[in-house]
Amino acid sequence: MDLKQLEYFVHVAEFGSFTLSSRFLRVAQPALSRQVRALEVELRQTLFQRNGRGVTLTEPGKRLLEHARGILQQVERARHDLEQQRGAVTGRLVIGLPPSVSRTLTGPLVRTFRERFPEASFGVVEGLSDHLLEWLAVGRVDFALVYSGSAPASIELAALRVEPMYLVGARSARAGAKLVGPAVSLEQVAAAELVIPPRPHSIRMLLDSTLADAGLKARVALEIESVPTILDLVQHEGFHAVLTLNAIRRSGNEAGFQARPIGKPRLAATLRLATSAQRPGGPLMEQAIALVRALVAAHWA
């Protein structure tokens, strides 16, 4: 296989159409089809299912797409790494962020990145911590912020911040104006009807393992990944949630909730920086990591 075949394959997969891909790439559709077919013949796999509306990936096609994206990004990194030898901070970075961090950090990150690195470009990919670690391993992202406490040997983790977790409920008249109320025990958390993300979300894994160590099990009423939806159900339907204070404060409706610290010692999640131990960083990545560290520190100051 060659890089052009992989590039054509990725575009067809993302557009879901040979016609749209040929227009975007400015390549004749028969030539595009021949390149993709040659790739299928070489790999002895059918990569696309053709239908009247376009194409969809087969299971082998989905697996190849992850590898192809990583390979093409690695080639682009190598090209920019050589360009950086001339002294300019150039290139492209893809940063992975969990949803709870992405909602508040992406805006400041975009603005500051463009100011400091005008000759570089970058993208942000949002996903659960386990997914971000997988994408980092295959090269889809250059580095990531995750809440996971474990990773393959090829990935290095460095703690950035410890965030206490709270049992969140609707604020009653008795609670007054205080956001943070008295602490609750693990037994009280286990007794509450929870709206919580499904496994392998980091908050869910942390809570389940902590309760299991104490011989307890959570009462999960609903499994939902969206924090705004979770907070809406907490406020209006009488459920509880396990979240950070940051999630409540960024909701724009802090007055509607009360958060109570969990357990002694306090239940807490650790935000970590994840980088690949197998790929060179380069000046752009090193400076971008320093920028992200500073933004995280300032954001939670």
C-alpha atoms as a PDB file:
ATOM      1  CA  MET A   1       0.000   0.000   0.000  1.00  0.00           C
ATOM      2  CA  ASP A   2       1.134   3.594  -0.486  1.00  0.00           C
ATOM      3  CA  LEU A   3       0.247   6.868   1.195  1.00  0.00           C
ATOM      4  CA  LYS A   4      -1.941   8.067  -1.668  1.00  0.00           C
ATOM      5  CA  GLN A   5      -4.107   4.961  -1.388  1.00  0.00           C
ATOM      6  CA  LEU A   6      -4.486   5.502   2.347  1.00  0.00           C
ATOM      7  CA  GLU A   7      -5.331   9.173   1.859  1.00  0.00           C
ATOM      8  CA  TYR A   8      -7.979   8.333  -0.742  1.00  0.00           C
ATOM      9  CA  PHE A   9      -9.391   5.586   1.470  1.00  0.00           C
ATOM     10  CA  VAL A  10      -9.706   7.945   4.467  1.00  0.00           C
ATOM     11  CA  HIS A  11     -11.506  10.607   2.434  1.00  0.00           C
ATOM     12  CA  VAL A  12     -13.980   8.116   0.958  1.00  0.00           C
ATOM     13  CA  ALA A  13     -14.628   6.736   4.448  1.00  0.00           C
ATOM     14  CA  GLU A  14     -15.223  10.202   5.913  1.00  0.00           C
ATOM     15  CA  PHE A  15     -17.418  11.457   3.051  1.00  0.00           C
ATOM     16  CA  GLY A  16     -19.227   8.137   2.658  1.00  0.00           C
ATOM     17  CA  SER A  17     -19.154   8.708  -1.077  1.00  0.00           C
ATOM     18  CA  PHE A  18     -16.739   8.247  -3.984  1.00  0.00           C
ATOM     19  CA  THR A  19     -18.413  11.110  -5.841  1.00  0.00           C
ATOM     20  CA  LEU A  20     -18.016  13.662  -3.038  1.00  0.00           C
ATOM     21  CA  SER A  21     -14.466  12.488  -2.319  1.00  0.00           C
ATOM     22  CA  SER A  22     -13.419  12.834  -5.962  1.00  0.00           C
ATOM     23  CA  ARG A  23     -14.768  16.400  -6.023  1.00  0.00           C
ATOM     24  CA  PHE A  24     -12.970  17.308  -2.807  1.00  0.00           C
ATOM     25  CA  LEU A  25      -9.674  15.727  -3.911  1.00  0.00           C
ATOM     26  CA  ARG A  26     -10.082  16.953  -7.502  1.00  0.00           C
ATOM     27  CA  VAL A  27      -9.391  13.457  -8.746  1.00  0.00           C
ATOM     28  CA  ALA A  28     -11.403  11.666 -11.413  1.00  0.00           C
ATOM     29  CA  GLN A  29     -13.806   9.214  -9.802  1.00  0.00           C
ATOM     30  CA  PRO A  30     -12.618   6.191 -11.857  1.00  0.00           C
ATOM     31  CA  ALA A  31      -9.020   6.864 -10.772  1.00  0.00           C
ATOM     32  CA  LEU A  32     -10.120   7.173  -7.141  1.00  0.00           C
ATOM     33  CA  SER A  33     -12.067   3.918  -7.351  1.00  0.00           C
ATOM     34  CA  ARG A  34      -9.068   2.110  -8.892  1.00  0.00           C
ATOM     35  CA  GLN A  35      -6.777   3.215  -6.046  1.00  0.00           C
ATOM     36  CA  VAL A  36      -9.211   2.058  -3.364  1.00  0.00           C
ATOM     37  CA  ARG A  37      -9.824  -1.214  -5.195  1.00  0.00           C
ATOM     38  CA  ALA A  38      -6.072  -1.793  -5.450  1.00  0.00           C
ATOM     39  CA  LEU A  39      -5.849  -1.324  -1.686  1.00  0.00           C
ATOM     40  CA  GLU A  40      -8.620  -3.878  -1.144  1.00  0.00           C
ATOM     41  CA  VAL A  41      -6.882  -6.370  -3.434  1.00  0.00           C
ATOM     42  CA  GLU A  42      -3.560  -5.925  -1.656  1.00  0.00           C
ATOM     43  CA  LEU A  43      -5.119  -6.360   1.790  1.00  0.00           C
ATOM     44  CA  ARG A  44      -7.463  -9.103   0.559  1.00  0.00           C
ATOM     45  CA  GLN A  45     -10.309  -7.405   2.411  1.00  0.00           C
ATOM     46  CA  THR A  46     -13.508  -5.658   1.358  1.00  0.00           C
ATOM     47  CA  LEU A  47     -13.272  -2.200   2.896  1.00  0.00           C
ATOM     48  CA  PHE A  48     -16.576  -0.684   1.753  1.00  0.00           C
ATOM     49  CA  GLN A  49     -20.127  -1.830   1.258  1.00  0.00           C
ATOM     50  CA  ARG A  50     -21.537  -0.083  -1.808  1.00  0.00           C
ATOM     51  CA  ASN A  51     -25.188   1.002  -1.864  1.00  0.00           C
ATOM     52  CA  GLY A  52     -27.370   3.443  -3.765  1.00  0.00           C
ATOM     53  CA  ARG A  53     -26.661   6.293  -1.349  1.00  0.00           C
ATOM     54  CA  GLY A  54     -22.880   5.896  -1.182  1.00  0.00           C
ATOM     55  CA  VAL A  55     -20.630   3.587   0.805  1.00  0.00           C
ATOM     56  CA  THR A  56     -20.280   2.392   4.388  1.00  0.00           C
ATOM     57  CA  LEU A  57     -17.266   0.829   6.053  1.00  0.00           C
ATOM     58  CA  THR A  58     -17.061  -2.899   6.656  1.00  0.00           C
ATOM     59  CA  GLU A  59     -15.540  -4.120   9.921  1.00  0.00           C
ATOM     60  CA  PRO A  60     -12.064  -4.486   8.299  1.00  0.00           C
ATOM     61  CA  GLY A  61     -12.576  -1.008   6.844  1.00  0.00           C
ATOM     62  CA  LYS A  62     -13.297   0.462  10.290  1.00  0.00           C
ATOM     63  CA  ARG A  63     -10.110  -1.069  11.687  1.00  0.00           C
ATOM     64  CA  LEU A  64      -8.031   0.176   8.769  1.00  0.00           C
ATOM     65  CA  LEU A  65      -9.466   3.683   9.153  1.00  0.00           C
ATOM     66  CA  GLU A  66      -8.013   4.013  12.663  1.00  0.00           C
ATOM     67  CA  HIS A  67      -4.586   2.843  11.460  1.00  0.00           C
ATOM     68  CA  ALA A  68      -4.685   4.978   8.303  1.00  0.00           C
ATOM     69  CA  ARG A  69      -5.456   8.160  10.205  1.00  0.00           C
ATOM     70  CA  GLY A  70      -2.563   7.502  12.559  1.00  0.00           C
ATOM     71  CA  ILE A  71      -0.147   6.730   9.707  1.00  0.00           C
ATOM     72  CA  LEU A  72      -1.048   9.866   7.763  1.00  0.00           C
ATOM     73  CA  GLN A  73      -0.746  12.010  10.879  1.00  0.00           C
ATOM     74  CA  GLN A  74       2.648  10.489  11.630  1.00  0.00           C
ATOM     75  CA  VAL A  75       3.852  11.362   8.123  1.00  0.00           C
ATOM     76  CA  GLU A  76       2.577  14.904   8.577  1.00  0.00           C
ATOM     77  CA  ARG A  77       4.380  15.146  11.913  1.00  0.00           C
ATOM     78  CA  ALA A  78       7.621  13.982  10.334  1.00  0.00           C
ATOM     79  CA  ARG A  79       7.305  16.613   7.612  1.00  0.00           C
ATOM     80  CA  HIS A  80       6.672  19.386  10.123  1.00  0.00           C
ATOM     81  CA  ASP A  81       9.430  18.123  12.407  1.00  0.00           C
ATOM     82  CA  LEU A  82      11.916  18.645   9.589  1.00  0.00           C
ATOM     83  CA  GLU A  83      10.477  22.093   8.907  1.00  0.00           C
ATOM     84  CA  GLN A  84      10.928  23.014  12.558  1.00  0.00           C
ATOM     85  CA  GLN A  85      14.656  22.574  12.173  1.00  0.00           C
ATOM     86  CA  ARG A  86      14.588  25.904  10.365  1.00  0.00           C
ATOM     87  CA  GLY A  87      13.551  27.572  13.628  1.00  0.00           C
ATOM     88  CA  ALA A  88       9.839  28.306  13.161  1.00  0.00           C
ATOM     89  CA  VAL A  89       7.301  26.630  15.438  1.00  0.00           C
ATOM     90  CA  THR A  90       5.116  25.042  12.776  1.00  0.00           C
ATOM     91  CA  GLY A  91       3.109  21.879  12.351  1.00  0.00           C
ATOM     92  CA  ARG A  92      -0.231  20.483  13.412  1.00  0.00           C
ATOM     93  CA  LEU A  93      -1.327  19.040  16.729  1.00  0.00           C
ATOM     94  CA  VAL A  94      -4.437  17.111  17.675  1.00  0.00           C
ATOM     95  CA  ILE A  95      -5.298  17.320  21.375  1.00  0.00           C
ATOM     96  CA  GLY A  96      -7.717  14.937  23.081  1.00  0.00           C
ATOM     97  CA  LEU A  97      -9.985  16.220  25.866  1.00  0.00           C
ATOM     98  CA  PRO A  98     -12.688  14.561  27.980  1.00  0.00           C
ATOM     99  CA  PRO A  99     -16.129  16.205  27.626  1.00  0.00           C
ATOM    100  CA  SER A 100     -16.095  17.835  31.086  1.00  0.00           C
ATOM    101  CA  VAL A 101     -12.787  19.541  30.298  1.00  0.00           C
ATOM    102  CA  SER A 102     -13.472  20.274  26.631  1.00  0.00           C
ATOM    103  CA  ARG A 103     -16.533  22.391  27.379  1.00  0.00           C
ATOM    104  CA  THR A 104     -14.541  24.905  29.393  1.00  0.00           C
ATOM    105  CA  LEU A 105     -10.972  24.601  28.115  1.00  0.00           C
ATOM    106  CA  THR A 106     -11.411  24.534  24.324  1.00  0.00           C
ATOM    107  CA  GLY A 107     -12.260  28.240  23.948  1.00  0.00           C
ATOM    108  CA  PRO A 108      -9.259  29.607  25.902  1.00  0.00           C
ATOM    109  CA  LEU A 109      -7.032  26.963  24.292  1.00  0.00           C
ATOM    110  CA  VAL A 110      -8.006  27.983  20.745  1.00  0.00           C
ATOM    111  CA  ARG A 111      -7.477  31.677  21.416  1.00  0.00           C
ATOM    112  CA  THR A 112      -4.114  31.277  23.140  1.00  0.00           C
ATOM    113  CA  PHE A 113      -2.809  28.706  20.658  1.00  0.00           C
ATOM    114  CA  ARG A 114      -3.527  30.970  17.691  1.00  0.00           C
ATOM    115  CA  GLU A 115      -1.840  33.908  19.398  1.00  0.00           C
ATOM    116  CA  ARG A 116       1.335  32.011  20.308  1.00  0.00           C
ATOM    117  CA  PHE A 117       1.695  29.723  17.298  1.00  0.00           C
ATOM    118  CA  PRO A 118       0.396  31.637  14.258  1.00  0.00           C
ATOM    119  CA  GLU A 119       2.232  29.337  11.821  1.00  0.00           C
ATOM    120  CA  ALA A 120       0.842  26.133  13.371  1.00  0.00           C
ATOM    121  CA  SER A 121      -2.594  24.555  13.383  1.00  0.00           C
ATOM    122  CA  PHE A 122      -4.348  22.218  15.751  1.00  0.00           C
ATOM    123  CA  GLY A 123      -7.527  20.317  16.360  1.00  0.00           C
ATOM    124  CA  VAL A 124      -9.418  19.135  19.429  1.00  0.00           C
ATOM    125  CA  VAL A 125     -10.948  15.658  19.686  1.00  0.00           C
ATOM    126  CA  GLU A 126     -13.457  14.978  22.456  1.00  0.00           C
ATOM    127  CA  GLY A 127     -13.946  11.539  23.950  1.00  0.00           C
ATOM    128  CA  LEU A 128     -14.005   9.394  27.059  1.00  0.00           C
ATOM    129  CA  SER A 129     -10.648   8.782  28.712  1.00  0.00           C
ATOM    130  CA  ASP A 130     -10.395   5.164  27.525  1.00  0.00           C
ATOM    131  CA  HIS A 131     -11.098   6.215  23.945  1.00  0.00           C
ATOM    132  CA  LEU A 132      -8.544   9.026  24.138  1.00  0.00           C
ATOM    133  CA  LEU A 133      -5.868   6.583  25.306  1.00  0.00           C
ATOM    134  CA  GLU A 134      -6.658   4.290  22.371  1.00  0.00           C
ATOM    135  CA  TRP A 135      -6.446   7.188  19.924  1.00  0.00           C
ATOM    136  CA  LEU A 136      -3.156   8.296  21.460  1.00  0.00           C
ATOM    137  CA  ALA A 137      -1.742   4.793  21.048  1.00  0.00           C
ATOM    138  CA  VAL A 138      -2.577   4.678  17.311  1.00  0.00           C
ATOM    139  CA  GLY A 139      -1.488   8.259  16.659  1.00  0.00           C
ATOM    140  CA  ARG A 140      -4.870   9.876  16.114  1.00  0.00           C
ATOM    141  CA  VAL A 141      -4.104  12.413  18.868  1.00  0.00           C
ATOM    142  CA  ASP A 142      -0.715  13.829  19.893  1.00  0.00           C
ATOM    143  CA  PHE A 143      -1.475  14.124  23.605  1.00  0.00           C
ATOM    144  CA  ALA A 144      -4.556  14.089  25.800  1.00  0.00           C
ATOM    145  CA  LEU A 145      -5.998  14.977  29.170  1.00  0.00           C
ATOM    146  CA  VAL A 146      -7.601  11.956  30.819  1.00  0.00           C
ATOM    147  CA  TYR A 147      -9.058  10.858  34.127  1.00  0.00           C
ATOM    148  CA  SER A 148      -7.810   7.293  33.760  1.00  0.00           C
ATOM    149  CA  GLY A 149      -5.354   6.025  36.357  1.00  0.00           C
ATOM    150  CA  SER A 150      -3.863   3.296  34.182  1.00  0.00           C
ATOM    151  CA  ALA A 151      -2.529   3.110  30.643  1.00  0.00           C
ATOM    152  CA  PRO A 152      -0.431   0.824  28.408  1.00  0.00           C
ATOM    153  CA  ALA A 153       3.356   0.893  28.826  1.00  0.00           C
ATOM    154  CA  SER A 154       3.605   2.927  25.609  1.00  0.00           C
ATOM    155  CA  ILE A 155       1.754   5.857  27.236  1.00  0.00           C
ATOM    156  CA  GLU A 156       3.075   8.085  30.012  1.00  0.00           C
ATOM    157  CA  LEU A 157       0.715   9.694  32.537  1.00  0.00           C
ATOM    158  CA  ALA A 158       1.474  12.779  34.629  1.00  0.00           C
ATOM    159  CA  ALA A 159      -0.956  14.110  37.259  1.00  0.00           C
ATOM    160  CA  LEU A 160      -2.148  17.673  36.692  1.00  0.00           C
ATOM    161  CA  ARG A 161      -4.922  18.194  39.216  1.00  0.00           C
ATOM    162  CA  VAL A 162      -6.941  16.318  41.821  1.00  0.00           C
ATOM    163  CA  GLU A 163     -10.653  17.163  41.688  1.00  0.00           C
ATOM    164  CA  PRO A 164     -12.908  16.200  44.622  1.00  0.00           C
ATOM    165  CA  MET A 165     -16.199  14.548  43.693  1.00  0.00           C
ATOM    166  CA  TYR A 166     -19.558  15.556  45.161  1.00  0.00           C
ATOM    167  CA  LEU A 167     -22.991  14.038  45.563  1.00  0.00           C
ATOM    168  CA  VAL A 168     -25.148  16.547  43.702  1.00  0.00           C
ATOM    169  CA  GLY A 169     -28.852  17.072  44.330  1.00  0.00           C
ATOM    170  CA  ALA A 170     -31.441  19.782  43.775  1.00  0.00           C
ATOM    171  CA  ARG A 171     -31.072  22.664  46.241  1.00  0.00           C
ATOM    172  CA  SER A 172     -33.871  22.817  48.778  1.00  0.00           C
ATOM    173  CA  ALA A 173     -35.113  25.864  50.651  1.00  0.00           C
ATOM    174  CA  ARG A 174     -33.371  24.568  53.794  1.00  0.00           C
ATOM    175  CA  ALA A 175     -29.996  24.607  52.018  1.00  0.00           C
ATOM    176  CA  GLY A 176     -30.022  28.387  51.761  1.00  0.00           C
ATOM    177  CA  ALA A 177     -27.526  30.071  49.466  1.00  0.00           C
ATOM    178  CA  LYS A 178     -24.661  27.627  49.943  1.00  0.00           C
ATOM    179  CA  LEU A 179     -23.554  25.487  47.019  1.00  0.00           C
ATOM    180  CA  VAL A 180     -21.480  23.116  49.156  1.00  0.00           C
ATOM    181  CA  GLY A 181     -23.289  21.324  51.947  1.00  0.00           C
ATOM    182  CA  PRO A 182     -22.178  18.897  54.655  1.00  0.00           C
ATOM    183  CA  ALA A 183     -20.248  15.770  53.708  1.00  0.00           C
ATOM    184  CA  VAL A 184     -21.985  12.458  53.043  1.00  0.00           C
ATOM    185  CA  SER A 185     -20.787   8.924  53.672  1.00  0.00           C
ATOM    186  CA  LEU A 186     -20.310   6.251  51.046  1.00  0.00           C
ATOM    187  CA  GLU A 187     -23.380   4.516  52.486  1.00  0.00           C
ATOM    188  CA  GLN A 188     -25.474   7.612  51.750  1.00  0.00           C
ATOM    189  CA  VAL A 189     -24.142   7.748  48.191  1.00  0.00           C
ATOM    190  CA  ALA A 190     -24.971   4.061  47.684  1.00  0.00           C
ATOM    191  CA  ALA A 191     -28.522   4.702  48.902  1.00  0.00           C
ATOM    192  CA  ALA A 192     -29.190   7.578  46.498  1.00  0.00           C
ATOM    193  CA  GLU A 193     -30.835   7.049  43.095  1.00  0.00           C
ATOM    194  CA  LEU A 194     -28.110   8.099  40.678  1.00  0.00           C
ATOM    195  CA  VAL A 195     -28.011   9.420  37.150  1.00  0.00           C
ATOM    196  CA  ILE A 196     -24.484   8.557  36.073  1.00  0.00           C
ATOM    197  CA  PRO A 197     -22.487   7.828  32.906  1.00  0.00           C
ATOM    198  CA  PRO A 198     -22.112   4.165  31.871  1.00  0.00           C
ATOM    199  CA  ARG A 199     -18.858   2.242  32.042  1.00  0.00           C
ATOM    200  CA  PRO A 200     -16.080   2.838  31.050  1.00  0.00           C
ATOM    201  CA  HIS A 201     -16.605   6.532  31.929  1.00  0.00           C
ATOM    202  CA  SER A 202     -13.955   7.525  34.458  1.00  0.00           C
ATOM    203  CA  ILE A 203     -16.430   8.863  37.059  1.00  0.00           C
ATOM    204  CA  ARG A 204     -18.454   5.649  36.905  1.00  0.00           C
ATOM    205  CA  MET A 205     -15.360   3.450  37.202  1.00  0.00           C
ATOM    206  CA  LEU A 206     -14.054   5.511  40.138  1.00  0.00           C
ATOM    207  CA  LEU A 207     -17.352   5.379  42.028  1.00  0.00           C
ATOM    208  CA  ASP A 208     -17.959   1.682  41.373  1.00  0.00           C
ATOM    209  CA  SER A 209     -14.476   0.665  42.525  1.00  0.00           C
ATOM    210  CA  THR A 210     -14.638   2.869  45.640  1.00  0.00           C
ATOM    211  CA  LEU A 211     -18.033   1.523  46.652  1.00  0.00           C
ATOM    212  CA  ALA A 212     -16.946  -2.069  45.930  1.00  0.00           C
ATOM    213  CA  ASP A 213     -13.955  -1.648  48.251  1.00  0.00           C
ATOM    214  CA  ALA A 214     -16.430  -0.698  50.994  1.00  0.00           C
ATOM    215  CA  GLY A 215     -18.748  -3.623  50.193  1.00  0.00           C
ATOM    216  CA  LEU A 216     -21.345  -1.339  48.606  1.00  0.00           C
ATOM    217  CA  LYS A 217     -23.002  -0.939  45.216  1.00  0.00           C
ATOM    218  CA  ALA A 218     -24.492   2.121  43.536  1.00  0.00           C
ATOM    219  CA  ARG A 219     -28.218   2.411  42.833  1.00  0.00           C
ATOM    220  CA  VAL A 220     -28.114   3.436  39.184  1.00  0.00           C
ATOM    221  CA  ALA A 221     -31.471   4.777  38.017  1.00  0.00           C
ATOM    222  CA  LEU A 222     -30.303   6.026  34.599  1.00  0.00           C
ATOM    223  CA  GLU A 223     -27.070   5.837  32.616  1.00  0.00           C
ATOM    224  CA  ILE A 224     -26.470   9.088  30.706  1.00  0.00           C
ATOM    225  CA  GLU A 225     -23.213  10.586  29.446  1.00  0.00           C
ATOM    226  CA  SER A 226     -24.368  14.182  28.902  1.00  0.00           C
ATOM    227  CA  VAL A 227     -23.614  16.381  31.930  1.00  0.00           C
ATOM    228  CA  PRO A 228     -26.282  19.011  31.046  1.00  0.00           C
ATOM    229  CA  THR A 229     -28.904  16.263  30.793  1.00  0.00           C
ATOM    230  CA  ILE A 230     -27.750  14.730  34.077  1.00  0.00           C
ATOM    231  CA  LEU A 231     -28.049  18.089  35.839  1.00  0.00           C
ATOM    232  CA  ASP A 232     -31.494  18.701  34.335  1.00  0.00           C
ATOM    233  CA  LEU A 233     -32.723  15.356  35.681  1.00  0.00           C
ATOM    234  CA  VAL A 234     -31.164  16.053  39.072  1.00  0.00           C
ATOM    235  CA  GLN A 235     -32.868  19.423  39.382  1.00  0.00           C
ATOM    236  CA  HIS A 236     -36.300  18.499  38.070  1.00  0.00           C
ATOM    237  CA  GLU A 237     -36.739  14.741  38.633  1.00  0.00           C
ATOM    238  CA  GLY A 238     -35.259  14.270  42.103  1.00  0.00           C
ATOM    239  CA  PHE A 239     -32.267  12.127  41.142  1.00  0.00           C
ATOM    240  CA  HIS A 240     -28.699  12.585  42.368  1.00  0.00           C
ATOM    241  CA  ALA A 241     -25.385  12.622  40.493  1.00  0.00           C
ATOM    242  CA  VAL A 242     -21.690  12.343  41.264  1.00  0.00           C
ATOM    243  CA  LEU A 243     -19.848  15.277  39.699  1.00  0.00           C
ATOM    244  CA  THR A 244     -17.164  17.884  40.277  1.00  0.00           C
ATOM    245  CA  LEU A 245     -17.901  21.438  41.370  1.00  0.00           C
ATOM    246  CA  ASN A 246     -16.574  22.602  38.009  1.00  0.00           C
ATOM    247  CA  ALA A 247     -19.380  20.763  36.206  1.00  0.00           C
ATOM    248  CA  ILE A 248     -21.981  22.574  38.335  1.00  0.00           C
ATOM    249  CA  ARG A 249     -20.416  26.022  38.096  1.00  0.00           C
ATOM    250  CA  ARG A 250     -20.097  25.773  34.325  1.00  0.00           C
ATOM    251  CA  SER A 251     -23.761  24.798  33.978  1.00  0.00           C
ATOM    252  CA  GLY A 252     -24.896  28.407  34.396  1.00  0.00           C
ATOM    253  CA  ASN A 253     -27.396  27.328  37.051  1.00  0.00           C
ATOM    254  CA  GLU A 254     -25.321  26.978  40.199  1.00  0.00           C
ATOM    255  CA  ALA A 255     -28.213  28.203  42.389  1.00  0.00           C
ATOM    256  CA  GLY A 256     -30.276  25.137  41.501  1.00  0.00           C
ATOM    257  CA  PHE A 257     -27.977  22.591  43.122  1.00  0.00           C
ATOM    258  CA  GLN A 258     -26.297  21.548  46.322  1.00  0.00           C
ATOM    259  CA  ALA A 259     -23.049  19.576  46.273  1.00  0.00           C
ATOM    260  CA  ARG A 260     -21.925  17.481  49.224  1.00  0.00           C
ATOM    261  CA  PRO A 261     -18.371  16.107  49.588  1.00  0.00           C
ATOM    262  CA  ILE A 262     -18.156  12.316  49.554  1.00  0.00           C
ATOM    263  CA  GLY A 263     -16.444  10.144  52.139  1.00  0.00           C
ATOM    264  CA  LYS A 264     -13.382  10.341  54.350  1.00  0.00           C
ATOM    265  CA  PRO A 265     -10.855  10.497  52.780  1.00  0.00           C
ATOM    266  CA  ARG A 266     -12.607  12.493  50.102  1.00  0.00           C
ATOM    267  CA  LEU A 267     -13.527  10.764  46.852  1.00  0.00           C
ATOM    268  CA  ALA A 268     -11.550  12.496  44.087  1.00  0.00           C
ATOM    269  CA  ALA A 269     -10.654  12.117  40.401  1.00  0.00           C
ATOM    270  CA  THR A 270      -7.189  12.957  39.066  1.00  0.00           C
ATOM    271  CA  LEU A 271      -6.820  14.792  35.768  1.00  0.00           C
ATOM    272  CA  ARG A 272      -3.695  13.518  33.985  1.00  0.00           C
ATOM    273  CA  LEU A 273      -1.626  14.464  30.967  1.00  0.00           C
ATOM    274  CA  ALA A 274      -1.186  11.483  28.630  1.00  0.00           C
ATOM    275  CA  THR A 275       1.661  11.400  26.097  1.00  0.00           C
ATOM    276  CA  SER A 276       3.182   8.709  23.913  1.00  0.00           C
ATOM    277  CA  ALA A 277       6.491   7.265  25.084  1.00  0.00           C
ATOM    278  CA  GLN A 278       7.206   6.037  21.559  1.00  0.00           C
ATOM    279  CA  ARG A 279       6.852   9.177  19.450  1.00  0.00           C
ATOM    280  CA  PRO A 280       9.105  12.263  19.495  1.00  0.00           C
ATOM    281  CA  GLY A 281       7.502  15.427  20.784  1.00  0.00           C
ATOM    282  CA  GLY A 282       9.141  18.313  18.978  1.00  0.00           C
ATOM    283  CA  PRO A 283       9.107  22.039  19.833  1.00  0.00           C
ATOM    284  CA  LEU A 284       5.440  22.608  18.994  1.00  0.00           C
ATOM    285  CA  MET A 285       4.211  19.757  21.147  1.00  0.00           C
ATOM    286  CA  GLU A 286       6.480  20.683  24.058  1.00  0.00           C
ATOM    287  CA  GLN A 287       5.280  24.285  24.025  1.00  0.00           C
ATOM    288  CA  ALA A 288       1.643  23.245  23.556  1.00  0.00           C
ATOM    289  CA  ILE A 289       1.862  20.923  26.576  1.00  0.00           C
ATOM    290  CA  ALA A 290       3.282  23.777  28.656  1.00  0.00           C
ATOM    291  CA  LEU A 291       0.403  25.959  27.453  1.00  0.00           C
ATOM    292  CA  VAL A 292      -2.202  23.350  28.411  1.00  0.00           C
ATOM    293  CA  ARG A 293      -0.628  22.919  31.845  1.00  0.00           C
ATOM    294  CA  ALA A 294      -0.817  26.690  32.418  1.00  0.00           C
ATOM    295  CA  LEU A 295      -4.440  26.879  31.224  1.00  0.00           C
ATOM    296  CA  VAL A 296      -5.494  24.002  33.480  1.00  0.00           C
ATOM    297  CA  ALA A 297      -3.804  25.663  36.471  1.00  0.00           C
ATOM    298  CA  ALA A 298      -5.409  29.026  35.688  1.00  0.00           C
ATOM    299  CA  HIS A 299      -8.824  27.546  34.987  1.00  0.00           C
ATOM    300  CA  TRP A 300      -9.062  25.784  38.349  1.00  0.00           C
ATOM    301  CA  ALA A 301      -7.190  28.430  40.339  1.00  0.00           C
END
